[in-house]
Amino acid sequence: MAGGAADVFNGERAVVALFVSRVLLSAPLSLLYESLALFLLSACGLLVEISVESSSAPPRFKTRPGASSGTLLGAVTLPAVILSRLIQLSRVLLENNATSDEISGLDMQFWTVSASCFSVLIFFCLTFQHSPKNTTFFQLKNFRTSNCGLMHMVLLSMALCYLSFTAKADSGYLPLLKFVWLICHSLASVMLIQHILQAFPSCASLGEVLLVSSGLMLYFGDALAHSLSKALAFLAPSALTFLKYGTRSEIAIVIQGVMVGLFLFPAFYKIVLWAWLHLTNLRKPEALATNGGPNNVVEMSVLFYASLLFMLTALIPAWMYLVWDFQKHPVAWVFTFVFSDPLKHLALCLYWVCVICVSVLRFYDISKHSKIERILLRKYYHLVAVLMFSPALLLLPAFLNLAFGAAFAVFLVLEMIRVWKIWPLGHTIHQFMNAFTDHRDSDILIVSHFSLLLGCALPIWMSSGLNDRPLAPFAGILSLGIGDTMASVVGHKYGVLRWSKTGKKTIEGTAAGITSVLAACSVLLPLLASTGYFFSQHWLSLLVAVTVSGLLEAYTAQLDNAFIPLVFYSLLCL
């Protein structure tokens, strides 16, 4: 029994329990149903994680070597972030005696992402139940008992969801339509996570894939909802209004349009290749799968660049015009926005170019000729992120929002060129990126630069609108650029006391990370005060947020660039 309890309450799960408890204790009575649903989701995540780790994974699901399943952390992170944002908005509106449609949109997002996580947990439990080992969870003798408990919690969560819908004055067919939408999201999430696990084997843990799939379904579900609402407006004007997750700024619309287009581009490119094969009288369908397209590498590359240009300049602007009534071409809009304040915007761009050129050339040379461990070399780029993003977030936050979207789009295009070996840049990009990979990357997919960029960008994007916590947008920059870097450097050079016998993280490193973030906050707060912000967060709450995120960095075997900024942001919102 003692050994089983030790297996259940490991360090990562204990930190997740602290994180979820902090969120639940901060929730007002108006978010009771959402809080109970998050509690049930946490229980389901724990149950499924132990069931998964006590079984042998099917060969078709090859996860990242050396990582735990991370199912619990992956299941609760995004719903907890949305609930924290709901708590923050409720507090802000209560203090100002105001109401906002943003709360209803966020509430729908919470139930949508929760339904996606519940469905994926059920899928995991059913998939891994065929090969149990002897490990038990509180003396559960077989997976049938755990499945029964899981289904009971899912049904209870569905009841809470219905009560939440009816309590918010939904009547008639609207609750039913919402349930249909949640079911569609759930099924699509299961299909998406299967595709990711099969298409990118050994690239991520189950928890990481769960976080990515639920996030993608939430983001692109929003785009689909607005598209459906626009298309069916003449049939039932009020039928799909609940799917609109609030208003969007012009920057958010441009970023969403580009992201939707780039994620759909592989399917579009495949169609273009298929059509080209038939136009060139190559009528055997199996030729596409065998050769991957035209035999001529240059010809294939021309098709790639032409298809990408058509997607970015024609299809995406057309979708933005039809769905969002975006009258201006996005390229023209971006130029207008940049040159609306050319001195500041261009000066910031020049500063970024200088920092990037110096750091890339310097660190790339070090990586080839130095014996410095690659993990430490990569942390230098975290410091570069601090140098690049902190001044921009203080002085030009709107321009930084747009720049993050542009950088992520460039990363996606370069990764497609690298993976598909598109001439003439494919081989060069692969060689360059391979100099900065570690055990969490693979030849199929390199995710570290994506996770670092998104780790810094997501807290800033999610803080748009009402925000009474000025430190919340800096969650990614502080946790990754300062805390994670200091923890790695100090732990590697001076760490002696380890958190666990099998792990590499040290107590000295964690203490250095927590201390450095608190010190950075003490410097950052006066700067924020000088720009008009006021500090509305107690130091005890800040200490809890920094400590919990620091402990998560120490204990988790997941991709810390993805999880730590979200957890830290969530705690800073409370």
Foldseek 3Di string as FASTA:
>chain_A
DVVLVCVLDDLLLVLVVLLLVLLLVLADPLCVLLNLLLVLQLVLQSLLQQLQVQFDAPPLQAAAPPARQQSNLLLNLVLLLLSLVLSLVVVVCVVVVHDDPLNLLSVLLSLLLNLQSLLVSLVSLVRGQPGGDCRDNVPDRGSVVSNVVSVVSVVVSVVSLLVSCVVVVDDDCQSVLSVVLSVVSNVVLNVVLSCCSNLDHNQFHNSVSSNVSSVVSSLVQLLVLLVVQLVCCVPPVPRSPSSNNDDDDPLRLLLSLLVVLLVCLVVVLLVLQQVVCVVVVNPDVCCCVVCVGDPDLQVSLVSSVVSVVCSQQPVSQVSCCSRVVPPDGSVVVVVCVCVVPVVVSVVLVVVLVVLVVVLLVVLLVCLVPPPPDLVLSLLVVLQSCLVNVVVCCLPPLPSVLNVLSVVLSVVSVLQVCCQVVRPPCNVVSLVSVVSRADSSHDSNGGCLVVLLSCLLNVQSVVCPDDAQQVCLNCLSSLCRSQLVNQLVVCLVPPFDAAPDPPDSGGPRSLVRSLVRSVVVCVVVQVSNVVSPHHHDDDVVLLSSLSNSLSSSSRRRPGDNSNRSSSSSSSSSSD
